[in-house]
Amino acid sequence: MGDGSTQMDLSAELDRLSAMRGDDGDDGDAGVRIEILDAVVEPDGVDGHRMVGLTVAADGDAASLRGSRWRHPLHHLHREDVRPTIDGMPVGVAEALDAVGGADLDDGYVLDRATYVVWAVDGTRGGNAVRLRAIEAPPAADAAVDETQTVEVSRLETASRPGFDDTARYRAFDSVGRRLDPSAFVP
């Protein structure tokens, strides 16, 4: 079976599943949907710092993504080219994620842009420190998933990373991926 017939089979299956749900696909009213460039994703939840969903429509260069699963970082959902809707009506990212079960991380997360490790905020310790737990780590990283560490908030605010325009090594986000100042993690 060639790639063309596989794509047609996937398209037919998506159309069949859509019809079973009672969604004819023409009115745009299909529950929660998130348009990301040329693709339309139906999210089914949040896993850590990623929105998980199925690509139900895609045009142009993204056509091959139709029928594929997405695990999209929450902080990328706040870009201008992302448009969340509920039943065809524009909504905010937080509202769309709430509609599919809400955030998975209560206190937000930190992305280390030098190692690409993603740390969930596990709570505060001491006056100006925060406890972090690794939830995603590439194989070459110096941390493993579920490893914990306590970091001074001042380090999160000032550590630099050569090669980035803003030189900031760490990026802090709340539970739905909105940018935060790391000082928000301590009372």
N, C-alpha and C. Protein backbone atom coordinates (compact mmCIF):
# COMPACT_ATOMS: atom_id res chain seq x y z
N MET A 1 0.85 -1.17 0.00
CA MET A 1 0.00 0.00 0.00
C MET A 1 0.90 1.24 0.00
N GLY A 2 0.71 2.14 -0.93
CA GLY A 2 1.55 3.32 -1.04
C GLY A 2 1.16 4.40 -0.04
N ASP A 3 2.02 5.44 0.04
CA ASP A 3 1.75 6.54 0.97
C ASP A 3 0.43 7.23 0.66
N GLY A 4 0.10 7.37 -0.63
CA GLY A 4 -1.14 8.03 -1.02
C GLY A 4 -2.36 7.28 -0.54
N SER A 5 -2.35 5.96 -0.68
CA SER A 5 -3.50 5.19 -0.24
C SER A 5 -3.58 5.14 1.28
N THR A 6 -2.44 5.16 1.96
CA THR A 6 -2.44 5.20 3.43
C THR A 6 -3.06 6.50 3.91
N GLN A 7 -2.70 7.62 3.28
CA GLN A 7 -3.27 8.91 3.64
C GLN A 7 -4.77 8.92 3.39
N MET A 8 -5.21 8.33 2.28
CA MET A 8 -6.64 8.26 1.98
C MET A 8 -7.37 7.41 3.01
N ASP A 9 -6.74 6.28 3.41
CA ASP A 9 -7.35 5.43 4.43
C ASP A 9 -7.49 6.17 5.75
N LEU A 10 -6.44 6.91 6.14
CA LEU A 10 -6.51 7.69 7.38
C LEU A 10 -7.58 8.76 7.29
N SER A 11 -7.67 9.43 6.15
CA SER A 11 -8.68 10.47 5.97
C SER A 11 -10.08 9.88 6.06
N ALA A 12 -10.28 8.72 5.41
CA ALA A 12 -11.59 8.07 5.45
C ALA A 12 -11.94 7.66 6.87
N GLU A 13 -10.96 7.15 7.61
CA GLU A 13 -11.22 6.74 9.00
C GLU A 13 -11.56 7.94 9.87
N LEU A 14 -10.85 9.05 9.69
CA LEU A 14 -11.17 10.26 10.45
C LEU A 14 -12.57 10.77 10.11
N ASP A 15 -12.94 10.71 8.84
CA ASP A 15 -14.28 11.12 8.45
C ASP A 15 -15.34 10.21 9.07
N ARG A 16 -15.06 8.90 9.11
CA ARG A 16 -15.99 7.95 9.71
C ARG A 16 -16.17 8.22 11.20
N LEU A 17 -15.04 8.44 11.90
CA LEU A 17 -15.10 8.72 13.34
C LEU A 17 -15.84 10.03 13.60
N SER A 18 -15.59 11.02 12.75
CA SER A 18 -16.26 12.31 12.88
C SER A 18 -17.77 12.14 12.71
N ALA A 19 -18.19 11.34 11.75
CA ALA A 19 -19.62 11.10 11.52
C ALA A 19 -20.25 10.37 12.71
N MET A 20 -19.51 9.44 13.32
CA MET A 20 -20.02 8.71 14.48
C MET A 20 -20.29 9.66 15.65
N ARG A 21 -19.46 10.71 15.76
CA ARG A 21 -19.64 11.70 16.82
C ARG A 21 -20.77 12.66 16.50
N GLY A 22 -21.25 12.63 15.26
CA GLY A 22 -22.31 13.57 14.87
C GLY A 22 -21.76 14.88 14.39
N ASP A 23 -20.47 14.94 14.09
CA ASP A 23 -19.82 16.16 13.62
C ASP A 23 -19.63 16.05 12.12
N ASP A 24 -20.29 16.89 11.36
CA ASP A 24 -20.14 16.81 9.91
C ASP A 24 -18.91 17.55 9.41
N GLY A 25 -18.21 18.25 10.30
CA GLY A 25 -16.97 18.90 9.94
C GLY A 25 -17.12 20.21 9.20
N ASP A 26 -18.36 20.58 8.81
CA ASP A 26 -18.53 21.79 8.02
C ASP A 26 -18.82 23.02 8.85
N ASP A 27 -19.40 22.84 10.03
CA ASP A 27 -19.82 24.01 10.78
C ASP A 27 -18.77 24.50 11.78
N GLY A 28 -17.70 23.78 11.96
CA GLY A 28 -16.65 24.20 12.88
C GLY A 28 -17.00 24.00 14.34
N ASP A 29 -18.22 23.53 14.64
CA ASP A 29 -18.63 23.32 16.02
C ASP A 29 -18.30 21.90 16.42
N ALA A 30 -17.09 21.65 16.87
CA ALA A 30 -16.67 20.29 17.19
C ALA A 30 -16.07 20.22 18.58
N GLY A 31 -16.65 20.91 19.54
CA GLY A 31 -16.07 20.90 20.88
C GLY A 31 -14.82 21.75 20.91
N VAL A 32 -13.82 21.28 21.65
CA VAL A 32 -12.57 22.03 21.78
C VAL A 32 -11.67 21.70 20.60
N ARG A 33 -11.20 22.73 19.94
CA ARG A 33 -10.24 22.59 18.85
C ARG A 33 -9.19 23.67 18.99
N ILE A 34 -7.99 23.33 18.55
CA ILE A 34 -6.90 24.31 18.56
C ILE A 34 -6.27 24.31 17.18
N GLU A 35 -6.32 25.46 16.51
CA GLU A 35 -5.67 25.62 15.21
C GLU A 35 -4.24 26.06 15.45
N ILE A 36 -3.31 25.30 14.88
CA ILE A 36 -1.89 25.62 14.98
C ILE A 36 -1.36 25.70 13.55
N LEU A 37 -1.13 26.92 13.08
CA LEU A 37 -0.77 27.15 11.68
C LEU A 37 -1.81 26.51 10.78
N ASP A 38 -1.44 25.49 9.97
CA ASP A 38 -2.36 24.87 9.02
C ASP A 38 -3.03 23.61 9.56
N ALA A 39 -2.83 23.29 10.82
CA ALA A 39 -3.39 22.06 11.39
C ALA A 39 -4.45 22.38 12.44
N VAL A 40 -5.43 21.49 12.57
CA VAL A 40 -6.46 21.62 13.60
C VAL A 40 -6.34 20.39 14.51
N VAL A 41 -6.17 20.64 15.80
CA VAL A 41 -5.99 19.57 16.77
C VAL A 41 -7.18 19.56 17.72
N GLU A 42 -7.69 18.38 18.00
CA GLU A 42 -8.69 18.21 19.04
C GLU A 42 -7.97 17.69 20.27
N PRO A 43 -7.78 18.54 21.29
CA PRO A 43 -7.06 18.09 22.48
C PRO A 43 -7.92 17.15 23.32
N ASP A 44 -7.26 16.18 23.92
CA ASP A 44 -7.99 15.29 24.82
C ASP A 44 -7.43 15.32 26.23
N GLY A 45 -6.50 16.23 26.48
CA GLY A 45 -5.98 16.37 27.83
C GLY A 45 -4.63 17.04 27.86
N VAL A 46 -4.10 17.13 29.07
CA VAL A 46 -2.78 17.72 29.31
C VAL A 46 -1.95 16.68 30.05
N ASP A 47 -0.73 16.45 29.57
CA ASP A 47 0.19 15.52 30.19
C ASP A 47 1.45 16.30 30.56
N GLY A 48 1.60 16.59 31.85
CA GLY A 48 2.73 17.39 32.30
C GLY A 48 2.66 18.79 31.73
N HIS A 49 3.62 19.14 30.89
CA HIS A 49 3.64 20.48 30.30
C HIS A 49 3.24 20.45 28.82
N ARG A 50 2.56 19.38 28.40
CA ARG A 50 2.18 19.25 27.00
C ARG A 50 0.68 19.01 26.83
N MET A 51 0.11 19.66 25.82
CA MET A 51 -1.25 19.38 25.41
C MET A 51 -1.19 18.16 24.50
N VAL A 52 -2.07 17.20 24.73
CA VAL A 52 -2.11 15.98 23.93
C VAL A 52 -3.39 16.00 23.11
N GLY A 53 -3.29 15.67 21.83
CA GLY A 53 -4.48 15.68 21.00
C GLY A 53 -4.28 14.98 19.68
N LEU A 54 -5.34 14.93 18.90
CA LEU A 54 -5.35 14.30 17.60
C LEU A 54 -5.52 15.36 16.52
N THR A 55 -4.70 15.29 15.47
CA THR A 55 -4.83 16.21 14.35
C THR A 55 -6.00 15.75 13.48
N VAL A 56 -7.05 16.55 13.45
CA VAL A 56 -8.26 16.17 12.71
C VAL A 56 -8.37 16.82 11.35
N ALA A 57 -7.59 17.85 11.11
CA ALA A 57 -7.58 18.51 9.81
C ALA A 57 -6.22 19.17 9.61
N ALA A 58 -5.75 19.17 8.39
CA ALA A 58 -4.48 19.82 8.08
C ALA A 58 -4.45 20.14 6.59
N ASP A 59 -3.94 21.30 6.26
CA ASP A 59 -3.84 21.73 4.87
C ASP A 59 -2.39 22.02 4.53
N GLY A 60 -2.13 22.21 3.26
CA GLY A 60 -0.81 22.62 2.79
C GLY A 60 0.27 21.64 3.20
N ASP A 61 1.38 22.19 3.67
CA ASP A 61 2.52 21.36 4.06
C ASP A 61 2.21 20.45 5.24
N ALA A 62 1.19 20.78 6.02
CA ALA A 62 0.85 20.00 7.21
C ALA A 62 -0.12 18.86 6.92
N ALA A 63 -0.52 18.66 5.66
CA ALA A 63 -1.54 17.66 5.32
C ALA A 63 -1.16 16.26 5.80
N SER A 64 0.11 15.95 5.82
CA SER A 64 0.54 14.61 6.25
C SER A 64 0.35 14.40 7.76
N LEU A 65 0.07 15.47 8.49
CA LEU A 65 -0.12 15.36 9.95
C LEU A 65 -1.53 14.91 10.33
N ARG A 66 -2.46 14.93 9.37
CA ARG A 66 -3.84 14.56 9.68
C ARG A 66 -3.88 13.12 10.19
N GLY A 67 -4.53 12.95 11.33
CA GLY A 67 -4.63 11.63 11.95
C GLY A 67 -3.50 11.32 12.92
N SER A 68 -2.54 12.24 13.07
CA SER A 68 -1.42 11.97 13.98
C SER A 68 -1.68 12.55 15.37
N ARG A 69 -1.02 12.01 16.38
CA ARG A 69 -1.13 12.49 17.75
C ARG A 69 -0.12 13.62 17.96
N TRP A 70 -0.53 14.65 18.70
CA TRP A 70 0.33 15.77 19.03
C TRP A 70 0.58 15.79 20.52
N ARG A 71 1.77 16.19 20.90
CA ARG A 71 2.13 16.47 22.29
C ARG A 71 2.82 17.83 22.24
N HIS A 72 2.02 18.88 22.35
CA HIS A 72 2.48 20.25 22.09
C HIS A 72 2.79 20.96 23.41
N PRO A 73 3.99 21.54 23.58
CA PRO A 73 4.30 22.27 24.82
C PRO A 73 3.29 23.40 25.06
N LEU A 74 2.82 23.50 26.28
CA LEU A 74 1.80 24.49 26.62
C LEU A 74 2.25 25.91 26.32
N HIS A 75 3.54 26.22 26.55
CA HIS A 75 3.99 27.60 26.31
C HIS A 75 3.95 27.97 24.83
N HIS A 76 3.96 27.00 23.93
CA HIS A 76 3.85 27.31 22.50
C HIS A 76 2.40 27.58 22.09
N LEU A 77 1.44 27.25 22.94
CA LEU A 77 0.04 27.52 22.63
C LEU A 77 -0.31 29.00 22.79
N HIS A 78 0.60 29.79 23.33
CA HIS A 78 0.33 31.21 23.57
C HIS A 78 0.88 32.10 22.45
N ARG A 79 1.31 31.50 21.35
CA ARG A 79 1.79 32.27 20.20
C ARG A 79 0.60 32.84 19.42
N GLU A 80 0.86 33.82 18.59
CA GLU A 80 -0.19 34.47 17.80
C GLU A 80 -0.82 33.55 16.77
N ASP A 81 -0.08 32.55 16.28
CA ASP A 81 -0.61 31.68 15.23
C ASP A 81 -1.41 30.50 15.78
N VAL A 82 -1.72 30.50 17.06
CA VAL A 82 -2.52 29.45 17.69
C VAL A 82 -3.89 30.03 18.05
N ARG A 83 -4.95 29.33 17.62
CA ARG A 83 -6.31 29.83 17.84
C ARG A 83 -7.17 28.73 18.47
N PRO A 84 -7.40 28.80 19.79
CA PRO A 84 -8.29 27.81 20.44
C PRO A 84 -9.76 28.21 20.30
N THR A 85 -10.63 27.22 20.13
CA THR A 85 -12.07 27.46 20.06
C THR A 85 -12.80 26.39 20.85
N ILE A 86 -13.98 26.73 21.32
CA ILE A 86 -14.91 25.75 21.91
C ILE A 86 -16.22 25.93 21.16
N ASP A 87 -16.68 24.85 20.53
CA ASP A 87 -17.89 24.88 19.71
C ASP A 87 -17.87 26.02 18.70
N GLY A 88 -16.70 26.25 18.11
CA GLY A 88 -16.54 27.25 17.07
C GLY A 88 -16.34 28.67 17.55
N MET A 89 -16.42 28.91 18.87
CA MET A 89 -16.25 30.26 19.42
C MET A 89 -14.83 30.43 19.95
N PRO A 90 -14.15 31.54 19.60
CA PRO A 90 -12.79 31.77 20.10
C PRO A 90 -12.76 31.86 21.63
N VAL A 91 -11.76 31.22 22.22
CA VAL A 91 -11.56 31.25 23.67
C VAL A 91 -10.07 31.39 23.95
N GLY A 92 -9.73 31.60 25.21
CA GLY A 92 -8.34 31.64 25.62
C GLY A 92 -7.79 30.23 25.81
N VAL A 93 -6.47 30.12 25.84
CA VAL A 93 -5.82 28.83 26.01
C VAL A 93 -6.24 28.18 27.33
N ALA A 94 -6.26 28.95 28.41
CA ALA A 94 -6.62 28.39 29.72
C ALA A 94 -8.02 27.81 29.70
N GLU A 95 -8.97 28.52 29.06
CA GLU A 95 -10.34 28.03 28.99
C GLU A 95 -10.43 26.75 28.17
N ALA A 96 -9.71 26.68 27.06
CA ALA A 96 -9.71 25.46 26.24
C ALA A 96 -9.13 24.28 27.00
N LEU A 97 -8.05 24.50 27.72
CA LEU A 97 -7.44 23.41 28.48
C LEU A 97 -8.32 22.98 29.65
N ASP A 98 -9.00 23.93 30.28
CA ASP A 98 -9.95 23.58 31.35
C ASP A 98 -11.05 22.68 30.82
N ALA A 99 -11.48 22.93 29.59
CA ALA A 99 -12.57 22.16 28.99
C ALA A 99 -12.18 20.71 28.71
N VAL A 100 -10.88 20.42 28.64
CA VAL A 100 -10.44 19.04 28.42
C VAL A 100 -9.79 18.44 29.66
N GLY A 101 -10.09 18.99 30.82
CA GLY A 101 -9.60 18.39 32.06
C GLY A 101 -8.67 19.25 32.87
N GLY A 102 -8.21 20.36 32.34
CA GLY A 102 -7.38 21.29 33.10
C GLY A 102 -5.91 20.93 33.10
N ALA A 103 -5.15 21.76 33.80
CA ALA A 103 -3.70 21.62 33.86
C ALA A 103 -3.30 20.37 34.64
N ASP A 104 -2.17 19.82 34.29
CA ASP A 104 -1.64 18.64 34.95
C ASP A 104 -0.68 19.01 36.08
N LEU A 105 -0.08 20.19 36.00
CA LEU A 105 0.89 20.66 36.99
C LEU A 105 0.28 21.81 37.78
N ASP A 106 0.19 21.66 39.08
CA ASP A 106 -0.44 22.69 39.91
C ASP A 106 0.36 23.99 39.96
N ASP A 107 1.68 23.87 40.06
CA ASP A 107 2.51 25.05 40.32
C ASP A 107 3.34 25.53 39.13
N GLY A 108 3.13 24.96 37.96
CA GLY A 108 3.87 25.41 36.79
C GLY A 108 5.14 24.61 36.54
N TYR A 109 5.96 25.14 35.63
CA TYR A 109 7.17 24.42 35.24
C TYR A 109 8.26 25.37 34.78
N VAL A 110 9.48 24.84 34.71
CA VAL A 110 10.64 25.60 34.30
C VAL A 110 11.34 24.84 33.17
N LEU A 111 11.67 25.54 32.09
CA LEU A 111 12.42 24.96 30.98
C LEU A 111 13.86 25.43 31.08
N ASP A 112 14.79 24.49 31.14
CA ASP A 112 16.21 24.80 31.11
C ASP A 112 16.63 24.81 29.65
N ARG A 113 16.88 25.99 29.09
CA ARG A 113 17.17 26.11 27.67
C ARG A 113 18.59 25.70 27.31
N ALA A 114 19.40 25.36 28.31
CA ALA A 114 20.74 24.86 28.02
C ALA A 114 20.74 23.34 27.89
N THR A 115 19.95 22.64 28.69
CA THR A 115 19.92 21.18 28.68
C THR A 115 18.62 20.60 28.13
N TYR A 116 17.60 21.45 27.97
CA TYR A 116 16.27 21.06 27.50
C TYR A 116 15.54 20.14 28.49
N VAL A 117 15.93 20.20 29.74
CA VAL A 117 15.21 19.49 30.79
C VAL A 117 14.03 20.36 31.20
N VAL A 118 12.87 19.74 31.39
CA VAL A 118 11.68 20.45 31.87
C VAL A 118 11.46 20.03 33.31
N TRP A 119 11.36 21.01 34.19
CA TRP A 119 11.22 20.78 35.62
C TRP A 119 9.85 21.23 36.09
N ALA A 120 9.12 20.35 36.78
CA ALA A 120 7.86 20.75 37.42
C ALA A 120 8.19 21.40 38.75
N VAL A 121 7.48 22.45 39.09
CA VAL A 121 7.69 23.11 40.38
C VAL A 121 6.96 22.28 41.43
N ASP A 122 7.72 21.79 42.41
CA ASP A 122 7.17 20.92 43.46
C ASP A 122 6.88 21.67 44.75
N GLY A 123 7.11 22.94 44.78
CA GLY A 123 6.85 23.73 45.99
C GLY A 123 8.09 24.48 46.43
N THR A 124 7.94 25.30 47.42
CA THR A 124 9.06 26.13 47.88
C THR A 124 9.75 25.48 49.06
N ARG A 125 11.01 25.85 49.25
CA ARG A 125 11.79 25.42 50.41
C ARG A 125 12.64 26.60 50.82
N GLY A 126 12.57 26.94 52.06
CA GLY A 126 13.34 28.08 52.51
C GLY A 126 12.73 29.36 51.99
N GLY A 127 13.45 30.46 52.20
CA GLY A 127 12.92 31.76 51.84
C GLY A 127 12.87 32.05 50.36
N ASN A 128 13.94 31.75 49.64
CA ASN A 128 14.01 32.17 48.24
C ASN A 128 14.43 31.01 47.33
N ALA A 129 14.01 29.79 47.67
CA ALA A 129 14.37 28.63 46.87
C ALA A 129 13.11 27.89 46.46
N VAL A 130 13.23 27.16 45.39
CA VAL A 130 12.10 26.38 44.88
C VAL A 130 12.58 24.96 44.60
N ARG A 131 11.72 24.00 44.91
CA ARG A 131 12.05 22.61 44.65
C ARG A 131 11.51 22.24 43.27
N LEU A 132 12.34 21.60 42.46
CA LEU A 132 11.97 21.21 41.10
C LEU A 132 12.12 19.70 40.93
N ARG A 133 11.23 19.12 40.10
CA ARG A 133 11.27 17.70 39.78
C ARG A 133 11.29 17.56 38.25
N ALA A 134 12.27 16.84 37.72
CA ALA A 134 12.40 16.68 36.26
C ALA A 134 11.24 15.83 35.74
N ILE A 135 10.52 16.36 34.74
CA ILE A 135 9.42 15.61 34.13
C ILE A 135 9.73 15.25 32.68
N GLU A 136 10.76 15.84 32.11
CA GLU A 136 11.19 15.50 30.76
C GLU A 136 12.66 15.82 30.64
N ALA A 137 13.44 14.84 30.19
CA ALA A 137 14.88 15.04 30.06
C ALA A 137 15.41 14.26 28.87
N PRO A 138 16.13 14.92 27.96
CA PRO A 138 16.72 14.20 26.85
C PRO A 138 17.81 13.25 27.36
N PRO A 139 18.14 12.22 26.59
CA PRO A 139 19.14 11.24 27.06
C PRO A 139 20.50 11.84 27.43
N ALA A 140 20.91 12.89 26.74
CA ALA A 140 22.23 13.48 26.99
C ALA A 140 22.23 14.46 28.16
N ALA A 141 21.09 14.72 28.77
CA ALA A 141 21.00 15.70 29.85
C ALA A 141 21.65 15.17 31.12
N ASP A 142 22.03 16.11 31.99
CA ASP A 142 22.66 15.74 33.25
C ASP A 142 21.63 15.48 34.36
N ALA A 143 20.38 15.32 33.99
CA ALA A 143 19.31 15.02 34.95
C ALA A 143 18.44 13.91 34.37
N ALA A 144 17.79 13.17 35.26
CA ALA A 144 16.90 12.09 34.83
C ALA A 144 15.48 12.41 35.28
N VAL A 145 14.50 11.84 34.60
CA VAL A 145 13.10 12.04 34.97
C VAL A 145 12.89 11.60 36.42
N ASP A 146 12.13 12.39 37.16
CA ASP A 146 11.81 12.22 38.58
C ASP A 146 12.94 12.64 39.52
N GLU A 147 14.08 13.05 39.00
CA GLU A 147 15.14 13.60 39.84
C GLU A 147 14.67 14.95 40.38
N THR A 148 15.03 15.26 41.60
CA THR A 148 14.63 16.54 42.19
C THR A 148 15.87 17.36 42.54
N GLN A 149 15.65 18.65 42.62
CA GLN A 149 16.71 19.56 43.07
C GLN A 149 16.04 20.82 43.62
N THR A 150 16.76 21.49 44.50
CA THR A 150 16.31 22.77 45.04
C THR A 150 17.19 23.86 44.46
N VAL A 151 16.54 24.90 43.92
CA VAL A 151 17.27 25.96 43.21
C VAL A 151 16.86 27.31 43.77
N GLU A 152 17.82 28.18 43.96
CA GLU A 152 17.54 29.55 44.36
C GLU A 152 16.81 30.27 43.23
N VAL A 153 15.77 31.00 43.57
CA VAL A 153 15.01 31.73 42.56
C VAL A 153 15.92 32.74 41.84
N SER A 154 16.86 33.31 42.55
CA SER A 154 17.78 34.27 41.92
C SER A 154 18.57 33.61 40.79
N ARG A 155 18.89 32.32 40.93
CA ARG A 155 19.59 31.61 39.85
C ARG A 155 18.68 31.45 38.64
N LEU A 156 17.40 31.13 38.88
CA LEU A 156 16.45 31.01 37.78
C LEU A 156 16.28 32.34 37.05
N GLU A 157 16.41 33.44 37.78
CA GLU A 157 16.22 34.77 37.19
C GLU A 157 17.44 35.26 36.43
N THR A 158 18.65 34.85 36.85
CA THR A 158 19.85 35.47 36.30
C THR A 158 20.77 34.56 35.49
N ALA A 159 20.60 33.25 35.56
CA ALA A 159 21.50 32.36 34.82
C ALA A 159 21.39 32.64 33.33
N SER A 160 22.52 32.63 32.65
CA SER A 160 22.52 32.97 31.23
C SER A 160 22.86 31.75 30.38
N ARG A 161 22.52 31.85 29.12
CA ARG A 161 22.78 30.80 28.14
C ARG A 161 23.29 31.46 26.88
N PRO A 162 24.57 31.32 26.56
CA PRO A 162 25.10 31.90 25.33
C PRO A 162 24.36 31.36 24.11
N GLY A 163 24.15 32.22 23.14
CA GLY A 163 23.51 31.80 21.90
C GLY A 163 22.05 32.18 21.81
N PHE A 164 21.46 32.62 22.89
CA PHE A 164 20.07 33.08 22.85
C PHE A 164 20.07 34.60 22.85
N ASP A 165 19.17 35.19 22.12
CA ASP A 165 19.12 36.65 22.02
C ASP A 165 18.99 37.30 23.38
N ASP A 166 18.15 36.73 24.23
CA ASP A 166 17.96 37.33 25.56
C ASP A 166 18.89 36.72 26.60
N THR A 167 19.66 35.76 26.24
CA THR A 167 20.67 35.07 27.06
C THR A 167 20.11 34.39 28.32
N ALA A 168 18.81 34.42 28.55
CA ALA A 168 18.25 33.77 29.74
C ALA A 168 18.31 32.26 29.58
N ARG A 169 18.85 31.59 30.59
CA ARG A 169 18.94 30.14 30.54
C ARG A 169 17.60 29.48 30.87
N TYR A 170 16.89 30.03 31.85
CA TYR A 170 15.66 29.40 32.32
C TYR A 170 14.44 30.21 31.89
N ARG A 171 13.38 29.51 31.57
CA ARG A 171 12.09 30.13 31.32
C ARG A 171 11.09 29.50 32.28
N ALA A 172 10.34 30.32 32.98
CA ALA A 172 9.35 29.84 33.93
C ALA A 172 7.95 30.06 33.36
N PHE A 173 7.06 29.08 33.60
CA PHE A 173 5.70 29.13 33.08
C PHE A 173 4.73 28.68 34.17
N ASP A 174 3.51 29.20 34.10
CA ASP A 174 2.48 28.74 35.03
C ASP A 174 1.91 27.42 34.52
N SER A 175 0.87 26.92 35.16
CA SER A 175 0.35 25.59 34.85
C SER A 175 -0.26 25.46 33.46
N VAL A 176 -0.61 26.58 32.81
CA VAL A 176 -1.15 26.52 31.44
C VAL A 176 -0.19 27.12 30.42
N GLY A 177 1.07 27.30 30.79
CA GLY A 177 2.10 27.71 29.85
C GLY A 177 2.29 29.19 29.65
N ARG A 178 1.72 30.03 30.51
CA ARG A 178 1.94 31.48 30.39
C ARG A 178 3.28 31.82 31.07
N ARG A 179 4.05 32.72 30.45
CA ARG A 179 5.35 33.12 31.00
C ARG A 179 5.19 33.73 32.37
N LEU A 180 6.10 33.39 33.27
CA LEU A 180 6.12 33.91 34.63
C LEU A 180 7.50 34.43 34.97
N ASP A 181 7.55 35.36 35.87
CA ASP A 181 8.80 35.73 36.50
C ASP A 181 9.04 34.66 37.57
N PRO A 182 10.24 34.06 37.63
CA PRO A 182 10.49 33.00 38.62
C PRO A 182 10.20 33.40 40.06
N SER A 183 10.22 34.69 40.38
CA SER A 183 9.92 35.10 41.75
C SER A 183 8.47 34.77 42.14
N ALA A 184 7.60 34.49 41.16
CA ALA A 184 6.21 34.11 41.44
C ALA A 184 6.12 32.75 42.13
N PHE A 185 7.21 31.95 42.09
CA PHE A 185 7.18 30.63 42.70
C PHE A 185 7.35 30.64 44.20
N VAL A 186 7.78 31.77 44.76
CA VAL A 186 7.96 31.85 46.22
C VAL A 186 6.99 32.87 46.79
N PRO A 187 6.46 32.60 47.99
CA PRO A 187 5.49 33.55 48.59
C PRO A 187 6.14 34.83 49.04
